[in-house]
Amino acid sequence: MKGQRKLGGKILLVVGAVLSPLSWWNDPVVNIPLAYGFGSVVGWIFPSLFMPAVIVGYWLTNWLGLVLMHKGAAVLKPEQDRTNVRNRRLRDAAVVVLYTIGLVVLIKLRILRFPVSH
């Protein structure tokens, strides 16, 4: 049972790391395409909500990544320093905000745009 629990924690940690804003490669490869896909689906139904949906999708992928990493780390190492966790969360939130600003700029410059013409 303990081995399965550790394996589950490692899986959560890896999936969380892939979705989290903590590495340079995951946004262009994972989070932005997922957010763009989410925004496109919402945009087909409500075209004016494309950009807000991309932003919400981006935030959700980053948030989910951070939560999964935290849960996986908690399984693997239950005794965490609360101050260190809070500082990491603040830094992670700042990174998400900066990337979001970049995402909005890409949409405004029409580098990323809703694929369906109206």
N, C-alpha and C. Protein backbone atom coordinates (compact mmCIF):
# COMPACT_ATOMS: atom_id res chain seq x y z
N MET A 1 0.83 -1.20 0.00
CA MET A 1 0.00 0.00 0.00
C MET A 1 0.87 1.26 0.00
N LYS A 2 1.96 1.24 0.79
CA LYS A 2 2.83 2.41 0.87
C LYS A 2 3.50 2.68 -0.48
N GLY A 3 3.87 1.62 -1.21
CA GLY A 3 4.48 1.77 -2.52
C GLY A 3 3.51 2.38 -3.52
N GLN A 4 2.25 1.97 -3.47
CA GLN A 4 1.23 2.53 -4.36
C GLN A 4 0.99 4.00 -4.05
N ARG A 5 1.01 4.33 -2.77
CA ARG A 5 0.80 5.72 -2.36
C ARG A 5 1.94 6.61 -2.87
N LYS A 6 3.18 6.11 -2.74
CA LYS A 6 4.33 6.88 -3.24
C LYS A 6 4.28 7.01 -4.76
N LEU A 7 3.89 5.95 -5.46
CA LEU A 7 3.77 6.01 -6.91
C LEU A 7 2.71 7.04 -7.30
N GLY A 8 1.58 7.04 -6.59
CA GLY A 8 0.53 8.03 -6.85
C GLY A 8 1.03 9.44 -6.62
N GLY A 9 1.80 9.64 -5.57
CA GLY A 9 2.38 10.95 -5.29
C GLY A 9 3.34 11.39 -6.38
N LYS A 10 4.15 10.45 -6.89
CA LYS A 10 5.09 10.77 -7.98
C LYS A 10 4.34 11.13 -9.25
N ILE A 11 3.25 10.40 -9.54
CA ILE A 11 2.46 10.71 -10.74
C ILE A 11 1.84 12.10 -10.62
N LEU A 12 1.27 12.40 -9.46
CA LEU A 12 0.70 13.74 -9.24
C LEU A 12 1.77 14.82 -9.41
N LEU A 13 2.94 14.56 -8.86
CA LEU A 13 4.03 15.53 -8.95
C LEU A 13 4.46 15.76 -10.40
N VAL A 14 4.58 14.71 -11.19
CA VAL A 14 5.00 14.84 -12.58
C VAL A 14 3.93 15.55 -13.42
N VAL A 15 2.67 15.13 -13.29
CA VAL A 15 1.59 15.77 -14.05
C VAL A 15 1.49 17.24 -13.63
N GLY A 16 1.61 17.51 -12.33
CA GLY A 16 1.58 18.89 -11.85
C GLY A 16 2.73 19.70 -12.41
N ALA A 17 3.91 19.12 -12.48
CA ALA A 17 5.08 19.84 -13.01
C ALA A 17 4.88 20.17 -14.49
N VAL A 18 4.25 19.27 -15.23
CA VAL A 18 4.00 19.52 -16.65
C VAL A 18 3.02 20.68 -16.82
N LEU A 19 2.04 20.79 -15.94
CA LEU A 19 1.03 21.85 -16.04
C LEU A 19 1.42 23.14 -15.33
N SER A 20 2.36 23.08 -14.42
CA SER A 20 2.67 24.24 -13.58
C SER A 20 3.45 25.30 -14.34
N PRO A 21 3.48 26.52 -13.80
CA PRO A 21 4.24 27.60 -14.46
C PRO A 21 5.71 27.64 -14.05
N LEU A 22 6.24 26.55 -13.56
CA LEU A 22 7.58 26.56 -12.98
C LEU A 22 8.72 26.26 -13.96
N SER A 23 8.39 25.86 -15.16
CA SER A 23 9.45 25.62 -16.13
C SER A 23 9.17 26.43 -17.39
N TRP A 24 10.22 26.75 -18.12
CA TRP A 24 10.08 27.62 -19.29
C TRP A 24 9.37 26.94 -20.44
N TRP A 25 9.47 25.63 -20.57
CA TRP A 25 8.98 24.94 -21.76
C TRP A 25 7.50 24.58 -21.69
N ASN A 26 6.92 24.48 -20.50
CA ASN A 26 5.56 23.95 -20.42
C ASN A 26 4.50 24.92 -20.93
N ASP A 27 4.73 26.22 -20.85
CA ASP A 27 3.71 27.15 -21.34
C ASP A 27 3.55 27.05 -22.86
N PRO A 28 4.63 27.19 -23.65
CA PRO A 28 4.41 27.09 -25.09
C PRO A 28 4.01 25.70 -25.57
N VAL A 29 4.40 24.66 -24.85
CA VAL A 29 4.15 23.29 -25.29
C VAL A 29 2.84 22.72 -24.74
N VAL A 30 2.44 23.10 -23.52
CA VAL A 30 1.29 22.49 -22.87
C VAL A 30 0.19 23.50 -22.54
N ASN A 31 0.49 24.47 -21.70
CA ASN A 31 -0.56 25.33 -21.15
C ASN A 31 -1.21 26.25 -22.18
N ILE A 32 -0.42 26.90 -23.01
CA ILE A 32 -1.01 27.81 -24.00
C ILE A 32 -1.85 27.04 -25.02
N PRO A 33 -1.38 25.90 -25.55
CA PRO A 33 -2.27 25.14 -26.44
C PRO A 33 -3.56 24.67 -25.75
N LEU A 34 -3.47 24.23 -24.49
CA LEU A 34 -4.69 23.83 -23.77
C LEU A 34 -5.61 25.03 -23.57
N ALA A 35 -5.05 26.17 -23.18
CA ALA A 35 -5.86 27.37 -22.97
C ALA A 35 -6.48 27.84 -24.28
N TYR A 36 -5.71 27.79 -25.36
CA TYR A 36 -6.22 28.18 -26.67
C TYR A 36 -7.36 27.26 -27.11
N GLY A 37 -7.20 25.97 -26.88
CA GLY A 37 -8.27 25.02 -27.19
C GLY A 37 -9.53 25.29 -26.39
N PHE A 38 -9.35 25.56 -25.11
CA PHE A 38 -10.49 25.89 -24.24
C PHE A 38 -11.16 27.17 -24.73
N GLY A 39 -10.36 28.19 -25.04
CA GLY A 39 -10.90 29.45 -25.54
C GLY A 39 -11.61 29.27 -26.87
N SER A 40 -11.09 28.42 -27.74
CA SER A 40 -11.72 28.17 -29.03
C SER A 40 -13.08 27.49 -28.87
N VAL A 41 -13.15 26.51 -27.98
CA VAL A 41 -14.43 25.83 -27.74
C VAL A 41 -15.46 26.82 -27.20
N VAL A 42 -15.07 27.60 -26.22
CA VAL A 42 -15.98 28.61 -25.67
C VAL A 42 -16.30 29.65 -26.74
N GLY A 43 -15.31 30.04 -27.55
CA GLY A 43 -15.48 31.04 -28.59
C GLY A 43 -16.45 30.61 -29.68
N TRP A 44 -16.53 29.31 -29.96
CA TRP A 44 -17.49 28.83 -30.95
C TRP A 44 -18.93 29.07 -30.48
N ILE A 45 -19.12 28.96 -29.18
CA ILE A 45 -20.46 29.17 -28.61
C ILE A 45 -20.70 30.66 -28.36
N PHE A 46 -19.73 31.33 -27.77
CA PHE A 46 -19.82 32.77 -27.45
C PHE A 46 -18.56 33.46 -27.98
N PRO A 47 -18.57 33.91 -29.24
CA PRO A 47 -17.36 34.47 -29.85
C PRO A 47 -16.71 35.61 -29.05
N SER A 48 -17.50 36.42 -28.38
CA SER A 48 -16.92 37.54 -27.63
C SER A 48 -16.17 37.08 -26.38
N LEU A 49 -16.33 35.83 -26.00
CA LEU A 49 -15.67 35.33 -24.79
C LEU A 49 -14.38 34.57 -25.09
N PHE A 50 -13.91 34.63 -26.35
CA PHE A 50 -12.69 33.90 -26.69
C PHE A 50 -11.52 34.28 -25.79
N MET A 51 -11.16 35.58 -25.73
CA MET A 51 -10.00 35.98 -24.94
C MET A 51 -10.20 35.70 -23.45
N PRO A 52 -11.35 36.05 -22.85
CA PRO A 52 -11.51 35.71 -21.43
C PRO A 52 -11.42 34.20 -21.18
N ALA A 53 -11.93 33.41 -22.12
CA ALA A 53 -11.87 31.95 -21.94
C ALA A 53 -10.43 31.44 -22.06
N VAL A 54 -9.64 32.03 -22.95
CA VAL A 54 -8.22 31.64 -23.05
C VAL A 54 -7.51 31.94 -21.73
N ILE A 55 -7.78 33.12 -21.19
CA ILE A 55 -7.14 33.50 -19.92
C ILE A 55 -7.58 32.57 -18.79
N VAL A 56 -8.88 32.31 -18.70
CA VAL A 56 -9.38 31.40 -17.65
C VAL A 56 -8.78 30.00 -17.85
N GLY A 57 -8.74 29.52 -19.09
CA GLY A 57 -8.15 28.21 -19.36
C GLY A 57 -6.69 28.15 -18.97
N TYR A 58 -5.96 29.24 -19.25
CA TYR A 58 -4.55 29.30 -18.89
C TYR A 58 -4.37 29.28 -17.37
N TRP A 59 -5.17 30.10 -16.68
CA TRP A 59 -5.09 30.11 -15.22
C TRP A 59 -5.44 28.75 -14.64
N LEU A 60 -6.46 28.10 -15.19
CA LEU A 60 -6.87 26.79 -14.67
C LEU A 60 -5.77 25.75 -14.86
N THR A 61 -5.09 25.75 -16.00
CA THR A 61 -4.02 24.76 -16.20
C THR A 61 -2.88 25.00 -15.22
N ASN A 62 -2.53 26.27 -15.01
CA ASN A 62 -1.46 26.58 -14.06
C ASN A 62 -1.87 26.25 -12.63
N TRP A 63 -3.09 26.62 -12.27
CA TRP A 63 -3.59 26.34 -10.92
C TRP A 63 -3.62 24.83 -10.67
N LEU A 64 -4.15 24.09 -11.64
CA LEU A 64 -4.22 22.64 -11.50
C LEU A 64 -2.81 22.05 -11.35
N GLY A 65 -1.86 22.56 -12.13
CA GLY A 65 -0.49 22.08 -12.02
C GLY A 65 0.10 22.32 -10.64
N LEU A 66 -0.12 23.51 -10.10
CA LEU A 66 0.41 23.82 -8.77
C LEU A 66 -0.25 22.97 -7.69
N VAL A 67 -1.55 22.78 -7.81
CA VAL A 67 -2.28 21.95 -6.82
C VAL A 67 -1.79 20.51 -6.89
N LEU A 68 -1.66 19.96 -8.09
CA LEU A 68 -1.20 18.58 -8.22
C LEU A 68 0.23 18.41 -7.71
N MET A 69 1.09 19.38 -7.99
CA MET A 69 2.45 19.31 -7.46
C MET A 69 2.44 19.34 -5.93
N HIS A 70 1.63 20.21 -5.37
CA HIS A 70 1.54 20.32 -3.91
C HIS A 70 1.03 19.01 -3.31
N LYS A 71 -0.01 18.44 -3.91
CA LYS A 71 -0.56 17.17 -3.39
C LYS A 71 0.45 16.05 -3.52
N GLY A 72 1.13 15.98 -4.67
CA GLY A 72 2.14 14.94 -4.85
C GLY A 72 3.29 15.07 -3.87
N ALA A 73 3.75 16.31 -3.66
CA ALA A 73 4.84 16.53 -2.70
C ALA A 73 4.39 16.21 -1.29
N ALA A 74 3.13 16.51 -0.97
CA ALA A 74 2.62 16.22 0.38
C ALA A 74 2.58 14.71 0.63
N VAL A 75 2.30 13.94 -0.41
CA VAL A 75 2.30 12.48 -0.27
C VAL A 75 3.73 11.97 -0.07
N LEU A 76 4.66 12.51 -0.83
CA LEU A 76 6.04 12.03 -0.77
C LEU A 76 6.81 12.56 0.44
N LYS A 77 6.48 13.77 0.86
CA LYS A 77 7.17 14.38 1.99
C LYS A 77 6.14 15.14 2.84
N PRO A 78 5.48 14.45 3.75
CA PRO A 78 4.36 15.05 4.49
C PRO A 78 4.71 16.27 5.33
N GLU A 79 5.92 16.36 5.86
CA GLU A 79 6.27 17.49 6.74
C GLU A 79 6.90 18.61 5.92
N GLN A 80 6.08 19.61 5.56
CA GLN A 80 6.58 20.75 4.78
C GLN A 80 6.58 21.99 5.64
N ASP A 81 7.54 22.83 5.39
CA ASP A 81 7.63 24.12 6.08
C ASP A 81 6.58 25.06 5.49
N ARG A 82 5.64 25.54 6.32
CA ARG A 82 4.53 26.39 5.86
C ARG A 82 5.02 27.70 5.23
N THR A 83 6.05 28.31 5.78
CA THR A 83 6.57 29.57 5.24
C THR A 83 7.10 29.35 3.83
N ASN A 84 7.84 28.28 3.63
CA ASN A 84 8.39 27.97 2.33
C ASN A 84 7.28 27.75 1.31
N VAL A 85 6.22 27.04 1.68
CA VAL A 85 5.09 26.79 0.80
C VAL A 85 4.42 28.12 0.44
N ARG A 86 4.21 29.01 1.40
CA ARG A 86 3.58 30.30 1.13
C ARG A 86 4.42 31.14 0.18
N ASN A 87 5.73 31.17 0.39
CA ASN A 87 6.62 31.93 -0.49
C ASN A 87 6.61 31.38 -1.91
N ARG A 88 6.59 30.07 -2.03
CA ARG A 88 6.52 29.45 -3.36
C ARG A 88 5.21 29.79 -4.05
N ARG A 89 4.12 29.76 -3.31
CA ARG A 89 2.82 30.08 -3.90
C ARG A 89 2.75 31.53 -4.36
N LEU A 90 3.33 32.45 -3.61
CA LEU A 90 3.36 33.84 -4.02
C LEU A 90 4.20 34.02 -5.29
N ARG A 91 5.33 33.37 -5.34
CA ARG A 91 6.19 33.44 -6.54
C ARG A 91 5.47 32.83 -7.73
N ASP A 92 4.83 31.70 -7.53
CA ASP A 92 4.10 31.04 -8.60
C ASP A 92 2.96 31.92 -9.12
N ALA A 93 2.25 32.58 -8.21
CA ALA A 93 1.17 33.48 -8.61
C ALA A 93 1.71 34.63 -9.45
N ALA A 94 2.86 35.17 -9.07
CA ALA A 94 3.47 36.27 -9.84
C ALA A 94 3.85 35.79 -11.25
N VAL A 95 4.37 34.60 -11.36
CA VAL A 95 4.73 34.04 -12.68
C VAL A 95 3.48 33.89 -13.54
N VAL A 96 2.40 33.39 -12.96
CA VAL A 96 1.15 33.22 -13.71
C VAL A 96 0.64 34.56 -14.21
N VAL A 97 0.70 35.59 -13.39
CA VAL A 97 0.23 36.92 -13.80
C VAL A 97 1.10 37.44 -14.96
N LEU A 98 2.41 37.28 -14.86
CA LEU A 98 3.28 37.75 -15.94
C LEU A 98 3.03 37.01 -17.26
N TYR A 99 2.87 35.70 -17.19
CA TYR A 99 2.57 34.94 -18.39
C TYR A 99 1.20 35.31 -18.95
N THR A 100 0.25 35.60 -18.08
CA THR A 100 -1.08 36.01 -18.54
C THR A 100 -1.00 37.32 -19.31
N ILE A 101 -0.21 38.25 -18.83
CA ILE A 101 -0.03 39.52 -19.54
C ILE A 101 0.56 39.23 -20.92
N GLY A 102 1.52 38.34 -20.98
CA GLY A 102 2.10 37.97 -22.28
C GLY A 102 1.07 37.33 -23.20
N LEU A 103 0.20 36.49 -22.64
CA LEU A 103 -0.84 35.85 -23.43
C LEU A 103 -1.82 36.88 -23.99
N VAL A 104 -2.20 37.85 -23.17
CA VAL A 104 -3.10 38.92 -23.64
C VAL A 104 -2.43 39.72 -24.76
N VAL A 105 -1.14 40.00 -24.61
CA VAL A 105 -0.41 40.74 -25.66
C VAL A 105 -0.42 39.93 -26.96
N LEU A 106 -0.20 38.62 -26.89
CA LEU A 106 -0.22 37.78 -28.09
C LEU A 106 -1.59 37.81 -28.77
N ILE A 107 -2.65 37.83 -27.97
CA ILE A 107 -4.00 37.90 -28.55
C ILE A 107 -4.25 39.28 -29.15
N LYS A 108 -3.86 40.32 -28.43
CA LYS A 108 -4.07 41.68 -28.93
C LYS A 108 -3.27 41.95 -30.22
N LEU A 109 -2.08 41.38 -30.32
CA LEU A 109 -1.27 41.53 -31.53
C LEU A 109 -1.73 40.59 -32.66
N ARG A 110 -2.75 39.80 -32.37
CA ARG A 110 -3.34 38.85 -33.31
C ARG A 110 -2.37 37.73 -33.71
N ILE A 111 -1.40 37.47 -32.86
CA ILE A 111 -0.53 36.32 -33.07
C ILE A 111 -1.32 35.05 -32.71
N LEU A 112 -2.06 35.13 -31.61
CA LEU A 112 -3.06 34.12 -31.26
C LEU A 112 -4.41 34.75 -31.55
N ARG A 113 -5.25 34.05 -32.30
CA ARG A 113 -6.58 34.60 -32.56
C ARG A 113 -7.58 33.48 -32.72
N PHE A 114 -8.81 33.86 -32.57
CA PHE A 114 -9.90 32.91 -32.70
C PHE A 114 -9.91 32.38 -34.13
N PRO A 115 -9.91 31.05 -34.31
CA PRO A 115 -9.73 30.50 -35.64
C PRO A 115 -10.94 30.61 -36.58
N VAL A 116 -12.12 30.89 -36.07
CA VAL A 116 -13.31 30.94 -36.91
C VAL A 116 -13.61 32.38 -37.29
N SER A 117 -13.74 32.65 -38.57
CA SER A 117 -14.08 34.00 -39.02
C SER A 117 -15.57 34.22 -38.86
N HIS A 118 -15.91 35.45 -38.43
CA HIS A 118 -17.33 35.80 -38.29
C HIS A 118 -17.67 36.93 -39.21
